[in-house]
């Protein structure tokens, strides 16, 4: 039963990653890494496909081995935060713009403290 739950969670994370590829407010790589975690516990074949993926595989391996995030990944996340903050400021009234600002400070601050690979 637990294996099935991890499999479902893995596919949900992949679905969120696809959304993150087209929406500026959603991350992509984070959800792919989470999917790899779930697939490691449910489907070694799906995990292997993610690890061998030319775009996401190296990021997953770097994260697993060293907890590392590439400089380009940090910059891309910072740009996404900036776009999210700008859109929220332009389209909503206070206090809603505080949400992406808070997320950028907390998550962005944590992200920039990760080692680079």
Protein backbone atom coordinates (compact mmCIF):
# COMPACT_ATOMS: atom_id res chain seq x y z
CA UNK A 1 0.00 0.00 0.00
CA UNK A 2 2.79 2.44 0.91
CA UNK A 3 4.46 1.75 -2.43
CA UNK A 4 1.28 2.76 -4.27
CA UNK A 5 1.03 5.99 -2.29
CA UNK A 6 4.62 6.89 -3.19
CA UNK A 7 3.87 6.11 -6.84
CA UNK A 8 0.80 8.37 -6.81
CA UNK A 9 2.78 11.11 -5.04
CA UNK A 10 5.54 10.77 -7.65
CA UNK A 11 3.11 11.30 -10.51
CA UNK A 12 1.48 14.22 -8.69
CA UNK A 13 4.90 15.83 -8.28
CA UNK A 14 5.61 15.32 -11.98
CA UNK A 15 2.29 16.94 -12.81
CA UNK A 16 3.18 19.92 -10.63
CA UNK A 17 6.57 20.09 -12.34
CA UNK A 18 4.84 20.32 -15.72
CA UNK A 19 2.72 23.18 -14.38
CA UNK A 20 5.88 24.80 -13.06
CA UNK A 21 7.37 24.71 -16.53
CA UNK A 22 4.65 27.03 -17.83
CA UNK A 23 3.69 29.09 -14.77
CA UNK A 24 6.15 31.66 -13.44
CA UNK A 25 5.01 31.19 -9.83
CA UNK A 26 5.69 27.43 -9.66
CA UNK A 27 9.07 25.72 -9.45
CA UNK A 28 9.90 22.81 -11.74
CA UNK A 29 13.10 21.17 -10.58
CA UNK A 30 11.97 20.95 -6.95
CA UNK A 31 8.96 18.88 -7.97
CA UNK A 32 11.09 16.66 -10.22
CA UNK A 33 13.46 16.02 -7.29
CA UNK A 34 10.46 15.18 -5.10
CA UNK A 35 9.15 12.83 -7.81
CA UNK A 36 12.53 11.07 -7.90
CA UNK A 37 12.35 10.64 -4.12
CA UNK A 38 8.89 9.10 -4.40
CA UNK A 39 9.83 6.88 -7.34
CA UNK A 40 12.91 5.63 -5.45
CA UNK A 41 10.47 4.17 -2.95
CA UNK A 42 7.92 2.89 -5.45
CA UNK A 43 9.32 2.32 -8.95
CA UNK A 44 13.07 1.94 -9.57
CA UNK A 45 12.43 2.05 -13.33
CA UNK A 46 10.75 5.47 -13.14
CA UNK A 47 13.46 6.73 -10.79
CA UNK A 48 16.13 5.58 -13.26
CA UNK A 49 14.34 7.41 -16.10
CA UNK A 50 14.43 10.63 -14.09
CA UNK A 51 18.08 10.18 -13.11
CA UNK A 52 19.02 9.57 -16.76
CA UNK A 53 16.99 12.53 -18.05
CA UNK A 54 19.38 14.92 -19.83
CA UNK A 55 17.89 18.08 -18.31
CA UNK A 56 16.80 17.06 -14.82
CA UNK A 57 19.02 14.08 -14.04
CA UNK A 58 22.18 16.07 -13.19
CA UNK A 59 20.23 18.37 -10.85
CA UNK A 60 18.71 15.42 -9.01
CA UNK A 61 22.08 13.71 -8.61
CA UNK A 62 23.76 16.94 -7.39
CA UNK A 63 21.03 17.45 -4.84
CA UNK A 64 21.19 13.85 -3.61
CA UNK A 65 24.98 13.76 -3.39
CA UNK A 66 25.75 17.20 -1.94
CA UNK A 67 22.52 19.09 -1.33
CA UNK A 68 23.87 21.37 -4.06
CA UNK A 69 22.04 23.73 -6.40
CA UNK A 70 23.69 25.15 -9.51
CA UNK A 71 24.31 28.89 -9.78
CA UNK A 72 22.04 29.02 -12.83
CA UNK A 73 19.30 27.31 -10.82
CA UNK A 74 19.61 29.87 -8.05
CA UNK A 75 19.49 32.72 -10.56
CA UNK A 76 16.46 31.21 -12.33
CA UNK A 77 14.64 30.86 -9.00
CA UNK A 78 15.45 34.47 -8.11
CA UNK A 79 14.12 35.67 -11.47
CA UNK A 80 10.93 33.63 -10.96
CA UNK A 81 10.49 35.18 -7.51
CA UNK A 82 10.96 38.65 -8.98
CA UNK A 83 8.35 38.01 -11.69
CA UNK A 84 5.90 36.60 -9.13
CA UNK A 85 6.35 39.62 -6.87
CA UNK A 86 5.94 42.05 -9.78
CA UNK A 87 2.78 40.32 -11.03
CA UNK A 88 1.27 40.20 -7.56
CA UNK A 89 2.07 43.87 -6.95
CA UNK A 90 0.51 44.81 -10.29
CA UNK A 91 -2.60 42.65 -10.07
CA UNK A 92 -3.63 42.45 -6.43
CA UNK A 93 -4.16 44.70 -3.44
CA UNK A 94 -2.36 44.51 -0.14
CA UNK A 95 -1.74 42.24 1.73
CA UNK A 96 -1.46 39.65 -1.09
CA UNK A 97 1.88 40.95 -2.43
CA UNK A 98 3.38 40.07 0.95
CA UNK A 99 2.97 36.35 0.19
CA UNK A 100 5.50 36.10 -2.68
CA UNK A 101 7.77 38.60 -0.92
CA UNK A 102 7.79 36.42 2.18
CA UNK A 103 8.36 33.29 0.10
CA UNK A 104 11.23 34.96 -1.74
CA UNK A 105 12.89 35.99 1.52
CA UNK A 106 12.51 32.63 3.24
CA UNK A 107 12.95 30.18 0.35
CA UNK A 108 15.32 32.35 -1.66
CA UNK A 109 17.47 32.96 1.41
CA UNK A 110 17.64 29.23 2.12
CA UNK A 111 18.34 28.44 -1.53
CA UNK A 112 21.30 30.83 -1.75
CA UNK A 113 22.87 29.17 1.32
CA UNK A 114 23.02 25.78 -0.46
CA UNK A 115 26.38 24.74 -1.87
CA UNK A 116 26.96 25.13 -5.60
CA UNK A 117 28.02 22.30 -7.83
